């Protein structure tokens, strides 16, 4: 779920993977592995950085419903 949401939110913001990785201060490789589903267990710190860079809540990024 995370990888699908990540890709969708990134595209909605009009960001490339490279731009988002720089904005989130994570490596491009880390981002592409998460977005492709190859890394299914990223650290909380990494997920928070991505959510912050996308300007969305962590709950929204991981697909958690209220």
N, C-alpha and C. Protein backbone atom coordinates (compact mmCIF):
# COMPACT_ATOMS: atom_id res chain seq x y z
N UNK A 1 0.82 -1.20 0.00
CA UNK A 1 0.00 0.00 0.00
C UNK A 1 0.87 1.26 0.00
N UNK A 2 1.90 1.26 0.82
CA UNK A 2 2.77 2.44 0.91
C UNK A 2 3.34 2.81 -0.45
N UNK A 3 3.86 1.81 -1.16
CA UNK A 3 4.51 2.14 -2.43
C UNK A 3 3.53 2.72 -3.44
N UNK A 4 2.30 2.24 -3.45
CA UNK A 4 1.30 2.81 -4.38
C UNK A 4 0.95 4.24 -4.00
N UNK A 5 0.73 4.45 -2.70
CA UNK A 5 0.40 5.79 -2.24
C UNK A 5 1.54 6.76 -2.50
N UNK A 6 2.75 6.33 -2.24
CA UNK A 6 3.92 7.17 -2.46
C UNK A 6 3.99 7.62 -3.91
N UNK A 7 3.86 6.70 -4.82
CA UNK A 7 3.93 7.03 -6.24
C UNK A 7 2.80 7.98 -6.64
N UNK A 8 1.59 7.71 -6.17
CA UNK A 8 0.45 8.56 -6.50
C UNK A 8 0.62 9.98 -5.97
N UNK A 9 1.02 10.12 -4.72
CA UNK A 9 1.19 11.45 -4.15
C UNK A 9 2.35 12.19 -4.80
N UNK A 10 3.41 11.48 -5.12
CA UNK A 10 4.56 12.12 -5.79
C UNK A 10 4.13 12.67 -7.14
N UNK A 11 3.38 11.86 -7.89
CA UNK A 11 2.93 12.31 -9.22
C UNK A 11 1.94 13.46 -9.11
N UNK A 12 1.05 13.42 -8.13
CA UNK A 12 0.11 14.52 -7.92
C UNK A 12 0.82 15.83 -7.64
N UNK A 13 1.97 15.74 -6.97
CA UNK A 13 2.75 16.94 -6.66
C UNK A 13 3.65 17.36 -7.83
N UNK A 14 3.67 16.54 -8.88
CA UNK A 14 4.48 16.86 -10.04
C UNK A 14 5.97 16.73 -9.79
N UNK A 15 6.35 15.83 -8.91
CA UNK A 15 7.75 15.66 -8.55
C UNK A 15 8.34 14.41 -9.20
N UNK A 16 9.57 14.51 -9.60
CA UNK A 16 10.29 13.32 -10.06
C UNK A 16 10.80 12.58 -8.82
N UNK A 17 11.23 11.35 -9.02
CA UNK A 17 11.81 10.60 -7.91
C UNK A 17 13.05 11.32 -7.38
N UNK A 18 13.83 11.85 -8.27
CA UNK A 18 15.05 12.57 -7.87
C UNK A 18 14.71 13.80 -7.03
N UNK A 19 13.71 14.58 -7.47
CA UNK A 19 13.32 15.77 -6.72
C UNK A 19 12.82 15.41 -5.33
N UNK A 20 11.97 14.38 -5.26
CA UNK A 20 11.43 13.99 -3.96
C UNK A 20 12.52 13.47 -3.04
N UNK A 21 13.43 12.68 -3.57
CA UNK A 21 14.50 12.16 -2.72
C UNK A 21 15.35 13.31 -2.15
N UNK A 22 15.61 14.32 -2.96
CA UNK A 22 16.36 15.47 -2.47
C UNK A 22 15.55 16.24 -1.42
N UNK A 23 14.28 16.48 -1.69
CA UNK A 23 13.43 17.21 -0.75
C UNK A 23 13.29 16.47 0.58
N UNK A 24 13.25 15.15 0.51
CA UNK A 24 13.09 14.33 1.71
C UNK A 24 14.42 14.04 2.40
N UNK A 25 15.51 14.41 1.73
CA UNK A 25 16.85 14.16 2.26
C UNK A 25 17.10 12.67 2.49
N UNK A 26 16.70 11.87 1.49
CA UNK A 26 16.99 10.44 1.47
C UNK A 26 17.64 10.13 0.13
N UNK A 27 18.26 8.97 0.03
CA UNK A 27 18.91 8.65 -1.23
C UNK A 27 17.88 8.29 -2.29
N UNK A 28 18.26 8.55 -3.51
CA UNK A 28 17.42 8.20 -4.65
C UNK A 28 17.14 6.70 -4.66
N UNK A 29 18.16 5.91 -4.35
CA UNK A 29 18.01 4.45 -4.33
C UNK A 29 16.99 4.01 -3.30
N UNK A 30 17.03 4.62 -2.12
CA UNK A 30 16.05 4.29 -1.08
C UNK A 30 14.64 4.58 -1.56
N UNK A 31 14.45 5.74 -2.15
CA UNK A 31 13.12 6.12 -2.63
C UNK A 31 12.63 5.16 -3.72
N UNK A 32 13.48 4.85 -4.67
CA UNK A 32 13.04 3.97 -5.77
C UNK A 32 12.73 2.56 -5.27
N UNK A 33 13.47 2.10 -4.27
CA UNK A 33 13.19 0.77 -3.71
C UNK A 33 11.84 0.75 -2.99
N UNK A 34 11.55 1.81 -2.26
CA UNK A 34 10.26 1.89 -1.56
C UNK A 34 9.13 1.99 -2.58
N UNK A 35 9.31 2.86 -3.56
CA UNK A 35 8.25 3.10 -4.55
C UNK A 35 7.99 1.89 -5.43
N UNK A 36 9.00 1.08 -5.65
CA UNK A 36 8.82 -0.11 -6.49
C UNK A 36 8.32 -1.32 -5.69
N UNK A 37 8.30 -1.19 -4.37
CA UNK A 37 7.86 -2.29 -3.53
C UNK A 37 8.97 -3.25 -3.14
N UNK A 38 10.20 -2.96 -3.55
CA UNK A 38 11.33 -3.83 -3.20
C UNK A 38 11.75 -3.66 -1.74
N UNK A 39 11.50 -2.48 -1.18
CA UNK A 39 11.74 -2.26 0.25
C UNK A 39 10.37 -2.12 0.90
N UNK A 40 9.93 -3.18 1.55
CA UNK A 40 8.60 -3.18 2.15
C UNK A 40 8.62 -2.81 3.62
N UNK A 41 9.81 -2.53 4.16
CA UNK A 41 9.92 -2.20 5.57
C UNK A 41 10.88 -1.02 5.80
N UNK A 42 10.57 0.14 5.22
CA UNK A 42 11.44 1.31 5.44
C UNK A 42 11.34 1.77 6.89
N UNK A 43 12.34 2.49 7.34
CA UNK A 43 12.31 2.98 8.72
C UNK A 43 11.24 4.06 8.87
N UNK A 44 10.79 4.23 10.09
CA UNK A 44 9.82 5.27 10.38
C UNK A 44 10.39 6.64 10.04
N UNK A 45 11.66 6.83 10.34
CA UNK A 45 12.32 8.10 10.05
C UNK A 45 12.24 8.42 8.56
N UNK A 46 12.47 7.43 7.72
CA UNK A 46 12.41 7.62 6.27
C UNK A 46 11.00 7.95 5.81
N UNK A 47 10.02 7.23 6.34
CA UNK A 47 8.63 7.48 5.95
C UNK A 47 8.19 8.88 6.37
N UNK A 48 8.60 9.31 7.54
CA UNK A 48 8.26 10.65 8.02
C UNK A 48 8.89 11.71 7.11
N UNK A 49 10.13 11.51 6.72
CA UNK A 49 10.80 12.46 5.82
C UNK A 49 10.05 12.56 4.49
N UNK A 50 9.61 11.44 3.97
CA UNK A 50 8.88 11.44 2.70
C UNK A 50 7.54 12.16 2.86
N UNK A 51 6.81 11.85 3.92
CA UNK A 51 5.52 12.50 4.16
C UNK A 51 5.70 14.01 4.31
N UNK A 52 6.71 14.42 5.04
CA UNK A 52 6.98 15.85 5.20
C UNK A 52 7.30 16.51 3.87
N UNK A 53 8.11 15.85 3.05
CA UNK A 53 8.48 16.41 1.75
C UNK A 53 7.27 16.51 0.82
N UNK A 54 6.33 15.59 0.98
CA UNK A 54 5.11 15.62 0.17
C UNK A 54 4.04 16.53 0.77
N UNK A 55 4.31 17.02 1.98
CA UNK A 55 3.38 17.88 2.71
C UNK A 55 2.04 17.19 2.95
N UNK A 56 2.13 15.92 3.37
CA UNK A 56 0.94 15.15 3.73
C UNK A 56 1.19 14.48 5.07
N UNK A 57 0.12 14.02 5.70
CA UNK A 57 0.28 13.34 6.98
C UNK A 57 0.84 11.94 6.77
N UNK A 58 1.46 11.44 7.80
CA UNK A 58 1.98 10.08 7.78
C UNK A 58 0.84 9.09 7.56
N UNK A 59 -0.28 9.32 8.23
CA UNK A 59 -1.44 8.44 8.06
C UNK A 59 -1.90 8.38 6.61
N UNK A 60 -1.92 9.52 5.97
CA UNK A 60 -2.35 9.58 4.57
C UNK A 60 -1.38 8.80 3.68
N UNK A 61 -0.09 8.97 3.92
CA UNK A 61 0.92 8.30 3.11
C UNK A 61 0.83 6.78 3.23
N UNK A 62 0.62 6.30 4.45
CA UNK A 62 0.58 4.84 4.62
C UNK A 62 -0.81 4.26 4.37
N UNK A 63 -1.78 5.13 4.11
CA UNK A 63 -3.12 4.65 3.78
C UNK A 63 -3.97 4.28 4.98
N UNK A 64 -3.63 4.84 6.12
CA UNK A 64 -4.39 4.57 7.33
C UNK A 64 -5.68 5.36 7.32
N UNK A 65 -6.75 4.68 7.59
CA UNK A 65 -8.06 5.34 7.61
C UNK A 65 -8.47 5.64 9.04
N UNK A 66 -9.15 6.74 9.23
CA UNK A 66 -9.58 7.16 10.57
C UNK A 66 -10.69 6.28 11.09
